[in-house]
């Protein structure tokens, strides 16, 4: 596929393009593999494992990611969770009070929060009744100041992946940046859009170690994009946004990818079993298709069933307030024992 002409500098905020990024001590000296005496960064010299500033570009971690994903490390930006990555995208490309972004509810709530935080209009275009993008409605909401289009696939809270042809059409037609949030891609049978970076210069793919990799506590978000986009984001990235402990734990986990894959297989197997058991619960009205590690379920009374499960010591997510999600509950796939406890509790409350 031939890459279309795309000038990222016309999309970025002019003050960001003019900005000279802060240069930290560890930006100026980069050869961390050498045995050196470091007297450049005003650190405490007594070694305790974290007395030195972390690598601001997380080179070791990016090297492993690049090899596993089959791309260049120039296409990678790491952040303090995906939320920081998304915020950087807003700050680099959206002019407050002028530009707008497009989101597709029901979807991840932070897109709207970040739009409000950055004083950028959020144009919400509801998904269709089967939770797919409404292409014509999206096109109708676009104007000259539409900078970002957020696509969460597999989607949260619905769980389904979007039809690839629909996403490709939006990538071709939208003149701004298309951000595909793939937080749950490791659970999906669909391939990652990471494989199409070279085809679409306006494509940004975000992923995370919080879900399939089981590292929500370390807050490590990943942004994949053209080196031109990554270069702009690096200009405004805080110098030490990914701390040393996060880098160490992430690298350790990435080097044991076979264990991660085994855990993913276990979760997917448990999901199949849980769906079958949910069908036996009388107040479950519908189980929506899912490509994620959770199941969205329509019930008779979501508020009532949520409260009842709390009394059984089980915390789920009540999504009934979300667009198109009236009387729905979201169940994350747990361990075998946790799933069994959930089903037991559901059957105990079904006559209540």
C-alpha atoms as a PDB file:
ATOM      1  CA  UNK A   1       0.000   0.000   0.000  1.00  0.00           C
ATOM      2  CA  UNK A   2       1.340   3.408  -0.953  1.00  0.00           C
ATOM      3  CA  UNK A   3       1.712   5.858   1.925  1.00  0.00           C
ATOM      4  CA  UNK A   4      -0.151   9.105   1.328  1.00  0.00           C
ATOM      5  CA  UNK A   5       1.528  12.475   1.717  1.00  0.00           C
ATOM      6  CA  UNK A   6       1.060  13.655   5.287  1.00  0.00           C
ATOM      7  CA  UNK A   7       2.686  16.700   6.860  1.00  0.00           C
ATOM      8  CA  UNK A   8       2.628  16.223  10.615  1.00  0.00           C
ATOM      9  CA  UNK A   9       3.970  19.731  11.222  1.00  0.00           C
ATOM     10  CA  UNK A  10       0.747  21.223   9.849  1.00  0.00           C
ATOM     11  CA  UNK A  11      -1.166  19.269  12.478  1.00  0.00           C
ATOM     12  CA  UNK A  12       1.021  20.009  15.506  1.00  0.00           C
ATOM     13  CA  UNK A  13       0.671  23.126  17.638  1.00  0.00           C
ATOM     14  CA  UNK A  14       3.103  25.786  16.472  1.00  0.00           C
ATOM     15  CA  UNK A  15       4.379  26.552  19.975  1.00  0.00           C
ATOM     16  CA  UNK A  16       5.285  22.864  20.369  1.00  0.00           C
ATOM     17  CA  UNK A  17       7.189  22.872  17.095  1.00  0.00           C
ATOM     18  CA  UNK A  18       9.151  25.924  18.257  1.00  0.00           C
ATOM     19  CA  UNK A  19       9.777  24.471  21.690  1.00  0.00           C
ATOM     20  CA  UNK A  20      13.292  23.453  22.704  1.00  0.00           C
ATOM     21  CA  UNK A  21      12.934  20.410  24.969  1.00  0.00           C
ATOM     22  CA  UNK A  22      14.552  20.288  28.382  1.00  0.00           C
ATOM     23  CA  UNK A  23      17.874  18.428  28.308  1.00  0.00           C
ATOM     24  CA  UNK A  24      18.541  16.468  31.487  1.00  0.00           C
ATOM     25  CA  UNK A  25      21.921  15.193  32.627  1.00  0.00           C
ATOM     26  CA  UNK A  26      21.027  11.721  31.405  1.00  0.00           C
ATOM     27  CA  UNK A  27      20.035  13.095  28.007  1.00  0.00           C
ATOM     28  CA  UNK A  28      23.505  14.544  27.541  1.00  0.00           C
ATOM     29  CA  UNK A  29      25.401  11.421  28.605  1.00  0.00           C
ATOM     30  CA  UNK A  30      23.725   8.325  27.166  1.00  0.00           C
ATOM     31  CA  UNK A  31      26.214   5.463  27.331  1.00  0.00           C
ATOM     32  CA  UNK A  32      24.902   3.799  30.472  1.00  0.00           C
ATOM     33  CA  UNK A  33      26.704   0.544  29.730  1.00  0.00           C
ATOM     34  CA  UNK A  34      30.072   2.104  30.548  1.00  0.00           C
ATOM     35  CA  UNK A  35      31.435   1.974  34.083  1.00  0.00           C
ATOM     36  CA  UNK A  36      31.643   5.659  34.951  1.00  0.00           C
ATOM     37  CA  UNK A  37      31.789   7.963  37.954  1.00  0.00           C
ATOM     38  CA  UNK A  38      28.590  10.007  37.750  1.00  0.00           C
ATOM     39  CA  UNK A  39      28.979  13.513  39.147  1.00  0.00           C
ATOM     40  CA  UNK A  40      26.693  15.256  36.656  1.00  0.00           C
ATOM     41  CA  UNK A  41      23.149  15.108  38.061  1.00  0.00           C
ATOM     42  CA  UNK A  42      23.437  16.179  41.725  1.00  0.00           C
ATOM     43  CA  UNK A  43      22.391  12.723  42.915  1.00  0.00           C
ATOM     44  CA  UNK A  44      23.057  11.079  46.257  1.00  0.00           C
ATOM     45  CA  UNK A  45      26.173   8.948  45.555  1.00  0.00           C
ATOM     46  CA  UNK A  46      25.350   6.135  47.994  1.00  0.00           C
ATOM     47  CA  UNK A  47      24.072   3.136  46.058  1.00  0.00           C
ATOM     48  CA  UNK A  48      20.666   1.749  47.025  1.00  0.00           C
ATOM     49  CA  UNK A  49      19.295   0.706  43.631  1.00  0.00           C
ATOM     50  CA  UNK A  50      17.327   3.878  42.965  1.00  0.00           C
ATOM     51  CA  UNK A  51      19.701   6.703  43.915  1.00  0.00           C
ATOM     52  CA  UNK A  52      20.392   7.458  40.233  1.00  0.00           C
ATOM     53  CA  UNK A  53      17.984   9.072  37.803  1.00  0.00           C
ATOM     54  CA  UNK A  54      16.417   6.600  35.351  1.00  0.00           C
ATOM     55  CA  UNK A  55      17.206   6.530  31.657  1.00  0.00           C
ATOM     56  CA  UNK A  56      14.889   9.270  30.294  1.00  0.00           C
ATOM     57  CA  UNK A  57      14.475   7.369  27.016  1.00  0.00           C
ATOM     58  CA  UNK A  58      14.134   3.881  28.551  1.00  0.00           C
ATOM     59  CA  UNK A  59      16.543   2.488  25.951  1.00  0.00           C
ATOM     60  CA  UNK A  60      16.868  -1.064  27.287  1.00  0.00           C
ATOM     61  CA  UNK A  61      13.118  -1.525  27.496  1.00  0.00           C
ATOM     62  CA  UNK A  62      12.508  -0.001  24.075  1.00  0.00           C
ATOM     63  CA  UNK A  63      15.152  -2.299  22.591  1.00  0.00           C
ATOM     64  CA  UNK A  64      13.242  -5.368  23.793  1.00  0.00           C
ATOM     65  CA  UNK A  65       9.882  -3.952  22.699  1.00  0.00           C
ATOM     66  CA  UNK A  66      11.234  -3.068  19.257  1.00  0.00           C
ATOM     67  CA  UNK A  67      12.580  -6.587  18.772  1.00  0.00           C
ATOM     68  CA  UNK A  68       9.364  -8.266  19.924  1.00  0.00           C
ATOM     69  CA  UNK A  69       7.109  -6.012  17.855  1.00  0.00           C
ATOM     70  CA  UNK A  70       9.332  -5.934  14.772  1.00  0.00           C
ATOM     71  CA  UNK A  71       9.677  -2.160  14.586  1.00  0.00           C
ATOM     72  CA  UNK A  72      12.310   0.496  15.273  1.00  0.00           C
ATOM     73  CA  UNK A  73      12.764   1.993  18.721  1.00  0.00           C
ATOM     74  CA  UNK A  74      12.296   5.366  16.991  1.00  0.00           C
ATOM     75  CA  UNK A  75       8.622   4.407  16.683  1.00  0.00           C
ATOM     76  CA  UNK A  76       8.164   4.005  20.452  1.00  0.00           C
ATOM     77  CA  UNK A  77       7.333   6.410  23.262  1.00  0.00           C
ATOM     78  CA  UNK A  78       6.771   5.179  26.823  1.00  0.00           C
ATOM     79  CA  UNK A  79       4.689   6.923  29.423  1.00  0.00           C
ATOM     80  CA  UNK A  80       3.466   6.825  33.002  1.00  0.00           C
ATOM     81  CA  UNK A  81       0.482   4.717  31.984  1.00  0.00           C
ATOM     82  CA  UNK A  82      -1.447   5.138  28.740  1.00  0.00           C
ATOM     83  CA  UNK A  83      -3.176   8.155  30.255  1.00  0.00           C
ATOM     84  CA  UNK A  84       0.052  10.176  30.161  1.00  0.00           C
ATOM     85  CA  UNK A  85       0.627   9.121  26.556  1.00  0.00           C
ATOM     86  CA  UNK A  86      -2.883  10.243  25.601  1.00  0.00           C
ATOM     87  CA  UNK A  87      -2.443  13.538  27.445  1.00  0.00           C
ATOM     88  CA  UNK A  88       0.804  14.221  25.575  1.00  0.00           C
ATOM     89  CA  UNK A  89      -1.034  13.700  22.283  1.00  0.00           C
ATOM     90  CA  UNK A  90      -3.649  16.276  23.290  1.00  0.00           C
ATOM     91  CA  UNK A  91      -1.002  18.768  24.372  1.00  0.00           C
ATOM     92  CA  UNK A  92       1.081  18.362  21.227  1.00  0.00           C
ATOM     93  CA  UNK A  93      -1.673  18.563  18.622  1.00  0.00           C
ATOM     94  CA  UNK A  94      -4.776  20.287  20.028  1.00  0.00           C
ATOM     95  CA  UNK A  95      -5.057  24.048  20.401  1.00  0.00           C
ATOM     96  CA  UNK A  96      -7.216  24.830  23.456  1.00  0.00           C
ATOM     97  CA  UNK A  97     -10.577  26.490  22.750  1.00  0.00           C
ATOM     98  CA  UNK A  98     -10.076  26.013  18.982  1.00  0.00           C
ATOM     99  CA  UNK A  99      -9.585  22.368  18.043  1.00  0.00           C
ATOM    100  CA  UNK A 100     -11.857  19.401  18.637  1.00  0.00           C
ATOM    101  CA  UNK A 101     -11.559  15.641  19.008  1.00  0.00           C
ATOM    102  CA  UNK A 102     -13.985  12.838  18.221  1.00  0.00           C
ATOM    103  CA  UNK A 103     -14.800   9.983  20.589  1.00  0.00           C
ATOM    104  CA  UNK A 104     -17.163   7.046  20.157  1.00  0.00           C
ATOM    105  CA  UNK A 105     -19.222   6.318  23.301  1.00  0.00           C
ATOM    106  CA  UNK A 106     -19.624   4.030  25.056  1.00  0.00           C
ATOM    107  CA  UNK A 107     -15.852   3.994  25.362  1.00  0.00           C
ATOM    108  CA  UNK A 108     -12.940   4.649  27.716  1.00  0.00           C
ATOM    109  CA  UNK A 109     -13.865   7.642  29.849  1.00  0.00           C
ATOM    110  CA  UNK A 110     -10.416   9.243  30.020  1.00  0.00           C
ATOM    111  CA  UNK A 111     -10.653  10.536  26.442  1.00  0.00           C
ATOM    112  CA  UNK A 112     -13.387  12.908  27.531  1.00  0.00           C
ATOM    113  CA  UNK A 113     -11.635  13.815  30.779  1.00  0.00           C
ATOM    114  CA  UNK A 114      -8.435  14.677  28.913  1.00  0.00           C
ATOM    115  CA  UNK A 115     -10.382  16.755  26.405  1.00  0.00           C
ATOM    116  CA  UNK A 116     -11.903  18.762  29.272  1.00  0.00           C
ATOM    117  CA  UNK A 117      -8.541  19.054  31.019  1.00  0.00           C
ATOM    118  CA  UNK A 118      -6.946  20.469  27.887  1.00  0.00           C
ATOM    119  CA  UNK A 119      -9.947  22.707  27.081  1.00  0.00           C
ATOM    120  CA  UNK A 120     -10.608  20.916  23.799  1.00  0.00           C
ATOM    121  CA  UNK A 121     -14.101  20.227  22.455  1.00  0.00           C
ATOM    122  CA  UNK A 122     -15.096  16.552  22.579  1.00  0.00           C
ATOM    123  CA  UNK A 123     -17.514  15.599  19.801  1.00  0.00           C
ATOM    124  CA  UNK A 124     -19.189  12.375  20.844  1.00  0.00           C
ATOM    125  CA  UNK A 125     -20.544  10.101  18.111  1.00  0.00           C
ATOM    126  CA  UNK A 126     -22.434   7.134  19.526  1.00  0.00           C
ATOM    127  CA  UNK A 127     -21.603   3.646  18.348  1.00  0.00           C
ATOM    128  CA  UNK A 128     -24.337   1.758  16.518  1.00  0.00           C
ATOM    129  CA  UNK A 129     -26.639  -0.600  18.400  1.00  0.00           C
ATOM    130  CA  UNK A 130     -24.215  -3.483  17.733  1.00  0.00           C
ATOM    131  CA  UNK A 131     -21.349  -1.391  19.122  1.00  0.00           C
ATOM    132  CA  UNK A 132     -19.599  -0.546  15.847  1.00  0.00           C
ATOM    133  CA  UNK A 133     -18.466   2.905  14.617  1.00  0.00           C
ATOM    134  CA  UNK A 134     -21.150   4.881  12.794  1.00  0.00           C
ATOM    135  CA  UNK A 135     -19.008   5.880   9.820  1.00  0.00           C
ATOM    136  CA  UNK A 136     -21.393   8.397   8.263  1.00  0.00           C
ATOM    137  CA  UNK A 137     -22.126  10.093  11.589  1.00  0.00           C
ATOM    138  CA  UNK A 138     -18.393  10.347  12.300  1.00  0.00           C
ATOM    139  CA  UNK A 139     -17.782  11.931   8.909  1.00  0.00           C
ATOM    140  CA  UNK A 140     -20.586  14.368   9.581  1.00  0.00           C
ATOM    141  CA  UNK A 141     -18.987  15.520  12.832  1.00  0.00           C
ATOM    142  CA  UNK A 142     -15.596  16.342  11.275  1.00  0.00           C
ATOM    143  CA  UNK A 143     -14.533  19.869  10.407  1.00  0.00           C
ATOM    144  CA  UNK A 144     -11.262  21.687   9.707  1.00  0.00           C
ATOM    145  CA  UNK A 145     -10.386  21.776  13.412  1.00  0.00           C
ATOM    146  CA  UNK A 146     -10.893  18.065  14.083  1.00  0.00           C
ATOM    147  CA  UNK A 147      -7.457  16.911  15.215  1.00  0.00           C
ATOM    148  CA  UNK A 148      -7.888  13.524  16.922  1.00  0.00           C
ATOM    149  CA  UNK A 149     -10.169  10.519  16.486  1.00  0.00           C
ATOM    150  CA  UNK A 150     -10.123   7.977  19.322  1.00  0.00           C
ATOM    151  CA  UNK A 151     -10.894   4.343  18.516  1.00  0.00           C
ATOM    152  CA  UNK A 152     -10.776   1.829  21.366  1.00  0.00           C
ATOM    153  CA  UNK A 153     -10.598  -1.662  19.848  1.00  0.00           C
ATOM    154  CA  UNK A 154     -11.269  -4.014  21.562  1.00  0.00           C
ATOM    155  CA  UNK A 155     -13.580  -1.484  23.119  1.00  0.00           C
ATOM    156  CA  UNK A 156     -14.102  -0.759  26.793  1.00  0.00           C
ATOM    157  CA  UNK A 157     -16.741  -1.288  28.208  1.00  0.00           C
ATOM    158  CA  UNK A 158     -18.385  -3.277  25.402  1.00  0.00           C
ATOM    159  CA  UNK A 159     -15.515  -5.740  24.883  1.00  0.00           C
ATOM    160  CA  UNK A 160     -15.867  -6.130  21.123  1.00  0.00           C
ATOM    161  CA  UNK A 161     -13.285  -5.373  18.451  1.00  0.00           C
ATOM    162  CA  UNK A 162     -14.321  -3.083  15.603  1.00  0.00           C
ATOM    163  CA  UNK A 163     -14.645  -4.258  12.016  1.00  0.00           C
ATOM    164  CA  UNK A 164     -11.204  -3.709  10.404  1.00  0.00           C
ATOM    165  CA  UNK A 165     -12.641  -2.297   7.176  1.00  0.00           C
ATOM    166  CA  UNK A 166     -14.436   0.399   9.163  1.00  0.00           C
ATOM    167  CA  UNK A 167     -11.239   1.410  10.929  1.00  0.00           C
ATOM    168  CA  UNK A 168      -9.298   1.444   7.665  1.00  0.00           C
ATOM    169  CA  UNK A 169     -11.905   3.679   6.061  1.00  0.00           C
ATOM    170  CA  UNK A 170     -11.573   6.163   8.927  1.00  0.00           C
ATOM    171  CA  UNK A 171      -7.777   6.074   8.699  1.00  0.00           C
ATOM    172  CA  UNK A 172      -8.003   6.937   5.008  1.00  0.00           C
ATOM    173  CA  UNK A 173     -10.647   9.641   5.302  1.00  0.00           C
ATOM    174  CA  UNK A 174      -9.757  11.431   8.535  1.00  0.00           C
ATOM    175  CA  UNK A 175      -7.205  14.223   8.011  1.00  0.00           C
ATOM    176  CA  UNK A 176      -6.132  14.334  11.635  1.00  0.00           C
ATOM    177  CA  UNK A 177      -4.565  11.670  13.839  1.00  0.00           C
ATOM    178  CA  UNK A 178      -6.358   8.385  14.492  1.00  0.00           C
ATOM    179  CA  UNK A 179      -5.486   6.925  17.884  1.00  0.00           C
ATOM    180  CA  UNK A 180      -6.273   3.218  18.170  1.00  0.00           C
ATOM    181  CA  UNK A 181      -6.267   2.238  21.826  1.00  0.00           C
ATOM    182  CA  UNK A 182      -5.260  -1.418  21.996  1.00  0.00           C
ATOM    183  CA  UNK A 183      -5.197  -1.925  25.755  1.00  0.00           C
ATOM    184  CA  UNK A 184      -6.912  -5.299  25.258  1.00  0.00           C
ATOM    185  CA  UNK A 185      -5.383  -6.396  21.944  1.00  0.00           C
ATOM    186  CA  UNK A 186      -3.519  -9.342  23.492  1.00  0.00           C
ATOM    187  CA  UNK A 187      -6.863 -11.036  24.198  1.00  0.00           C
ATOM    188  CA  UNK A 188      -8.216 -10.511  20.681  1.00  0.00           C
ATOM    189  CA  UNK A 189      -8.074 -12.772  17.643  1.00  0.00           C
ATOM    190  CA  UNK A 190      -7.684  -9.702  15.454  1.00  0.00           C
ATOM    191  CA  UNK A 191      -4.163  -8.517  14.571  1.00  0.00           C
ATOM    192  CA  UNK A 192      -2.765  -5.322  16.009  1.00  0.00           C
ATOM    193  CA  UNK A 193      -2.851  -2.178  13.896  1.00  0.00           C
ATOM    194  CA  UNK A 194       0.806  -1.858  14.790  1.00  0.00           C
ATOM    195  CA  UNK A 195       1.425  -3.850  11.601  1.00  0.00           C
ATOM    196  CA  UNK A 196      -0.009  -0.961   9.551  1.00  0.00           C
ATOM    197  CA  UNK A 197       2.068   1.952  10.879  1.00  0.00           C
ATOM    198  CA  UNK A 198       3.921   2.353   7.596  1.00  0.00           C
ATOM    199  CA  UNK A 199       0.648   2.379   5.648  1.00  0.00           C
ATOM    200  CA  UNK A 200      -0.955   5.210   7.611  1.00  0.00           C
ATOM    201  CA  UNK A 201       1.237   8.155   8.701  1.00  0.00           C
ATOM    202  CA  UNK A 202      -1.685   9.514  10.745  1.00  0.00           C
ATOM    203  CA  UNK A 203      -1.942   6.331  12.838  1.00  0.00           C
ATOM    204  CA  UNK A 204      -1.042   6.169  16.521  1.00  0.00           C
ATOM    205  CA  UNK A 205      -1.374   2.864  18.393  1.00  0.00           C
ATOM    206  CA  UNK A 206      -1.390   2.812  22.180  1.00  0.00           C
ATOM    207  CA  UNK A 207      -0.896  -0.295  24.299  1.00  0.00           C
ATOM    208  CA  UNK A 208      -0.234  -1.028  27.956  1.00  0.00           C
ATOM    209  CA  UNK A 209       1.346  -3.515  30.338  1.00  0.00           C
ATOM    210  CA  UNK A 210      -1.620  -3.133  32.711  1.00  0.00           C
ATOM    211  CA  UNK A 211      -3.883  -5.811  31.235  1.00  0.00           C
ATOM    212  CA  UNK A 212      -2.442  -8.941  29.614  1.00  0.00           C
ATOM    213  CA  UNK A 213       0.993  -8.390  31.162  1.00  0.00           C
ATOM    214  CA  UNK A 214      -0.480  -8.112  34.647  1.00  0.00           C
ATOM    215  CA  UNK A 215       1.447  -4.975  35.603  1.00  0.00           C
ATOM    216  CA  UNK A 216      -1.235  -2.389  36.325  1.00  0.00           C
ATOM    217  CA  UNK A 217       0.650  -1.321  39.440  1.00  0.00           C
ATOM    218  CA  UNK A 218       3.778  -0.113  37.651  1.00  0.00           C
ATOM    219  CA  UNK A 219       1.925   2.236  35.238  1.00  0.00           C
ATOM    220  CA  UNK A 220       3.632   1.648  31.888  1.00  0.00           C
ATOM    221  CA  UNK A 221       1.899   2.879  28.729  1.00  0.00           C
ATOM    222  CA  UNK A 222       3.238   2.489  25.209  1.00  0.00           C
ATOM    223  CA  UNK A 223       2.775   4.677  22.146  1.00  0.00           C
ATOM    224  CA  UNK A 224       3.676   3.444  18.654  1.00  0.00           C
ATOM    225  CA  UNK A 225       3.716   5.913  15.776  1.00  0.00           C
ATOM    226  CA  UNK A 226       5.879   7.333  13.002  1.00  0.00           C
ATOM    227  CA  UNK A 227       9.244   8.655  14.128  1.00  0.00           C
ATOM    228  CA  UNK A 228       8.018  12.155  13.203  1.00  0.00           C
ATOM    229  CA  UNK A 229       5.093  11.902  15.639  1.00  0.00           C
ATOM    230  CA  UNK A 230       7.267  10.333  18.339  1.00  0.00           C
ATOM    231  CA  UNK A 231       9.812  13.142  17.915  1.00  0.00           C
ATOM    232  CA  UNK A 232       7.133  15.771  18.561  1.00  0.00           C
ATOM    233  CA  UNK A 233       5.823  13.953  21.642  1.00  0.00           C
ATOM    234  CA  UNK A 234       9.362  13.625  23.000  1.00  0.00           C
ATOM    235  CA  UNK A 235       9.702  17.406  22.935  1.00  0.00           C
ATOM    236  CA  UNK A 236       7.060  17.810  25.644  1.00  0.00           C
ATOM    237  CA  UNK A 237       7.539  14.559  27.561  1.00  0.00           C
ATOM    238  CA  UNK A 238       8.705  15.084  31.177  1.00  0.00           C
ATOM    239  CA  UNK A 239      12.395  14.144  31.377  1.00  0.00           C
ATOM    240  CA  UNK A 240      12.042  11.226  33.812  1.00  0.00           C
ATOM    241  CA  UNK A 241       8.418  10.202  33.290  1.00  0.00           C
ATOM    242  CA  UNK A 242       9.062   6.440  33.623  1.00  0.00           C
ATOM    243  CA  UNK A 243      10.770   5.679  36.919  1.00  0.00           C
ATOM    244  CA  UNK A 244      13.590   3.200  37.480  1.00  0.00           C
ATOM    245  CA  UNK A 245      11.513   0.573  39.286  1.00  0.00           C
ATOM    246  CA  UNK A 246       8.916   0.589  36.523  1.00  0.00           C
ATOM    247  CA  UNK A 247      11.608   0.136  33.893  1.00  0.00           C
ATOM    248  CA  UNK A 248      13.191  -2.737  35.802  1.00  0.00           C
ATOM    249  CA  UNK A 249       9.925  -4.600  36.418  1.00  0.00           C
ATOM    250  CA  UNK A 250       8.689  -4.052  32.857  1.00  0.00           C
ATOM    251  CA  UNK A 251      11.938  -5.346  31.389  1.00  0.00           C
ATOM    252  CA  UNK A 252      11.853  -8.379  33.642  1.00  0.00           C
ATOM    253  CA  UNK A 253       8.289  -9.183  32.524  1.00  0.00           C
ATOM    254  CA  UNK A 254       9.004  -8.590  28.832  1.00  0.00           C
ATOM    255  CA  UNK A 255      11.894 -11.046  28.976  1.00  0.00           C
ATOM    256  CA  UNK A 256       9.471 -13.757  30.173  1.00  0.00           C
ATOM    257  CA  UNK A 257       6.969 -13.385  27.358  1.00  0.00           C
ATOM    258  CA  UNK A 258       6.144 -17.114  27.338  1.00  0.00           C
ATOM    259  CA  UNK A 259       4.708 -16.804  30.856  1.00  0.00           C
ATOM    260  CA  UNK A 260       2.569 -13.871  29.737  1.00  0.00           C
ATOM    261  CA  UNK A 261       1.235 -15.894  26.812  1.00  0.00           C
ATOM    262  CA  UNK A 262       0.360 -18.795  29.116  1.00  0.00           C
ATOM    263  CA  UNK A 263      -1.585 -16.441  31.384  1.00  0.00           C
ATOM    264  CA  UNK A 264      -3.451 -15.007  28.379  1.00  0.00           C
ATOM    265  CA  UNK A 265      -4.401 -18.530  27.255  1.00  0.00           C
ATOM    266  CA  UNK A 266      -5.662 -19.304  30.744  1.00  0.00           C
ATOM    267  CA  UNK A 267      -7.780 -16.140  30.849  1.00  0.00           C
ATOM    268  CA  UNK A 268      -9.303 -16.856  27.427  1.00  0.00           C
ATOM    269  CA  UNK A 269     -10.128 -20.419  28.449  1.00  0.00           C
ATOM    270  CA  UNK A 270     -11.727 -19.195  31.670  1.00  0.00           C
ATOM    271  CA  UNK A 271     -13.744 -16.647  29.704  1.00  0.00           C
ATOM    272  CA  UNK A 272     -15.336 -19.367  27.593  1.00  0.00           C
ATOM    273  CA  UNK A 273     -16.268 -21.291  30.717  1.00  0.00           C
ATOM    274  CA  UNK A 274     -17.628 -18.204  32.467  1.00  0.00           C
ATOM    275  CA  UNK A 275     -19.835 -17.293  29.499  1.00  0.00           C
ATOM    276  CA  UNK A 276     -21.351 -20.786  29.524  1.00  0.00           C
ATOM    277  CA  UNK A 277     -22.122 -20.515  33.235  1.00  0.00           C
ATOM    278  CA  UNK A 278     -23.561 -17.009  32.938  1.00  0.00           C
ATOM    279  CA  UNK A 279     -26.131 -18.375  30.487  1.00  0.00           C
ATOM    280  CA  UNK A 280     -27.554 -20.393  33.363  1.00  0.00           C
ATOM    281  CA  UNK A 281     -28.273 -17.295  35.492  1.00  0.00           C
ATOM    282  CA  UNK A 282     -31.948 -16.402  35.082  1.00  0.00           C
ATOM    283  CA  UNK A 283     -31.599 -12.606  35.303  1.00  0.00           C
ATOM    284  CA  UNK A 284     -28.878 -12.472  32.619  1.00  0.00           C
ATOM    285  CA  UNK A 285     -30.687 -11.189  29.522  1.00  0.00           C
ATOM    286  CA  UNK A 286     -27.787 -10.896  27.067  1.00  0.00           C
ATOM    287  CA  UNK A 287     -24.062 -11.604  26.921  1.00  0.00           C
ATOM    288  CA  UNK A 288     -22.269  -9.359  24.453  1.00  0.00           C
ATOM    289  CA  UNK A 289     -19.459 -10.658  22.189  1.00  0.00           C
ATOM    290  CA  UNK A 290     -16.058  -9.914  23.669  1.00  0.00           C
ATOM    291  CA  UNK A 291     -12.462  -9.806  22.441  1.00  0.00           C
ATOM    292  CA  UNK A 292     -11.166  -8.647  25.818  1.00  0.00           C
ATOM    293  CA  UNK A 293     -10.536 -10.072  29.281  1.00  0.00           C
ATOM    294  CA  UNK A 294     -13.986  -9.037  30.473  1.00  0.00           C
ATOM    295  CA  UNK A 295     -17.624  -9.699  29.655  1.00  0.00           C
ATOM    296  CA  UNK A 296     -20.412  -7.127  29.336  1.00  0.00           C
ATOM    297  CA  UNK A 297     -23.735  -8.600  30.426  1.00  0.00           C
ATOM    298  CA  UNK A 298     -27.255  -7.164  30.247  1.00  0.00           C
ATOM    299  CA  UNK A 299     -29.328  -7.983  33.321  1.00  0.00           C
ATOM    300  CA  UNK A 300     -32.808  -7.235  34.649  1.00  0.00           C
ATOM    301  CA  UNK A 301     -31.703  -4.558  37.114  1.00  0.00           C
ATOM    302  CA  UNK A 302     -28.018  -3.601  37.125  1.00  0.00           C
ATOM    303  CA  UNK A 303     -28.140  -1.397  40.235  1.00  0.00           C
ATOM    304  CA  UNK A 304     -29.878  -4.078  42.274  1.00  0.00           C
ATOM    305  CA  UNK A 305     -27.596  -6.902  41.137  1.00  0.00           C
ATOM    306  CA  UNK A 306     -24.478  -4.781  41.687  1.00  0.00           C
ATOM    307  CA  UNK A 307     -25.493  -4.063  45.294  1.00  0.00           C
ATOM    308  CA  UNK A 308     -26.347  -7.705  45.915  1.00  0.00           C
ATOM    309  CA  UNK A 309     -22.929  -8.845  44.708  1.00  0.00           C
ATOM    310  CA  UNK A 310     -21.260  -6.336  47.016  1.00  0.00           C
ATOM    311  CA  UNK A 311     -22.964  -8.013  49.978  1.00  0.00           C
ATOM    312  CA  UNK A 312     -21.364 -11.268  48.763  1.00  0.00           C
ATOM    313  CA  UNK A 313     -17.912  -9.658  48.785  1.00  0.00           C
ATOM    314  CA  UNK A 314     -17.628  -9.368  44.985  1.00  0.00           C
ATOM    315  CA  UNK A 315     -16.834  -6.070  43.251  1.00  0.00           C
ATOM    316  CA  UNK A 316     -17.763  -5.753  39.576  1.00  0.00           C
ATOM    317  CA  UNK A 317     -18.429  -2.705  37.381  1.00  0.00           C
ATOM    318  CA  UNK A 318     -21.904  -1.276  36.920  1.00  0.00           C
ATOM    319  CA  UNK A 319     -22.013   0.286  33.438  1.00  0.00           C
ATOM    320  CA  UNK A 320     -25.708   1.153  33.336  1.00  0.00           C
ATOM    321  CA  UNK A 321     -25.030   4.913  33.192  1.00  0.00           C
ATOM    322  CA  UNK A 322     -23.009   4.619  29.972  1.00  0.00           C
ATOM    323  CA  UNK A 323     -24.531   5.301  26.555  1.00  0.00           C
ATOM    324  CA  UNK A 324     -26.244   2.230  25.043  1.00  0.00           C
ATOM    325  CA  UNK A 325     -25.391   0.234  28.182  1.00  0.00           C
ATOM    326  CA  UNK A 326     -28.564   0.429  30.276  1.00  0.00           C
ATOM    327  CA  UNK A 327     -28.742  -2.362  32.862  1.00  0.00           C
ATOM    328  CA  UNK A 328     -25.337  -3.793  32.049  1.00  0.00           C
ATOM    329  CA  UNK A 329     -22.659  -5.180  34.338  1.00  0.00           C
ATOM    330  CA  UNK A 330     -19.012  -5.762  33.421  1.00  0.00           C
ATOM    331  CA  UNK A 331     -17.220  -8.821  34.767  1.00  0.00           C
ATOM    332  CA  UNK A 332     -13.434  -9.065  34.592  1.00  0.00           C
ATOM    333  CA  UNK A 333     -12.165 -12.625  34.114  1.00  0.00           C
ATOM    334  CA  UNK A 334     -10.584 -13.696  37.393  1.00  0.00           C
ATOM    335  CA  UNK A 335      -8.848 -16.820  38.587  1.00  0.00           C
ATOM    336  CA  UNK A 336     -10.737 -20.120  38.442  1.00  0.00           C
ATOM    337  CA  UNK A 337     -11.574 -19.749  42.132  1.00  0.00           C
ATOM    338  CA  UNK A 338     -12.755 -16.145  41.700  1.00  0.00           C
ATOM    339  CA  UNK A 339     -14.922 -17.040  38.703  1.00  0.00           C
ATOM    340  CA  UNK A 340     -16.484 -19.903  40.635  1.00  0.00           C
ATOM    341  CA  UNK A 341     -17.226 -17.559  43.542  1.00  0.00           C
ATOM    342  CA  UNK A 342     -18.871 -15.108  41.126  1.00  0.00           C
ATOM    343  CA  UNK A 343     -21.141 -17.750  39.602  1.00  0.00           C
ATOM    344  CA  UNK A 344     -22.036 -19.098  43.051  1.00  0.00           C
ATOM    345  CA  UNK A 345     -22.984 -15.596  44.205  1.00  0.00           C
ATOM    346  CA  UNK A 346     -24.998 -14.884  41.049  1.00  0.00           C
ATOM    347  CA  UNK A 347     -27.006 -18.068  41.495  1.00  0.00           C
ATOM    348  CA  UNK A 348     -27.597 -17.318  45.163  1.00  0.00           C
ATOM    349  CA  UNK A 349     -29.064 -13.877  44.401  1.00  0.00           C
ATOM    350  CA  UNK A 350     -31.077 -14.793  41.308  1.00  0.00           C
ATOM    351  CA  UNK A 351     -34.239 -15.401  43.307  1.00  0.00           C
ATOM    352  CA  UNK A 352     -33.792 -12.276  45.387  1.00  0.00           C
END
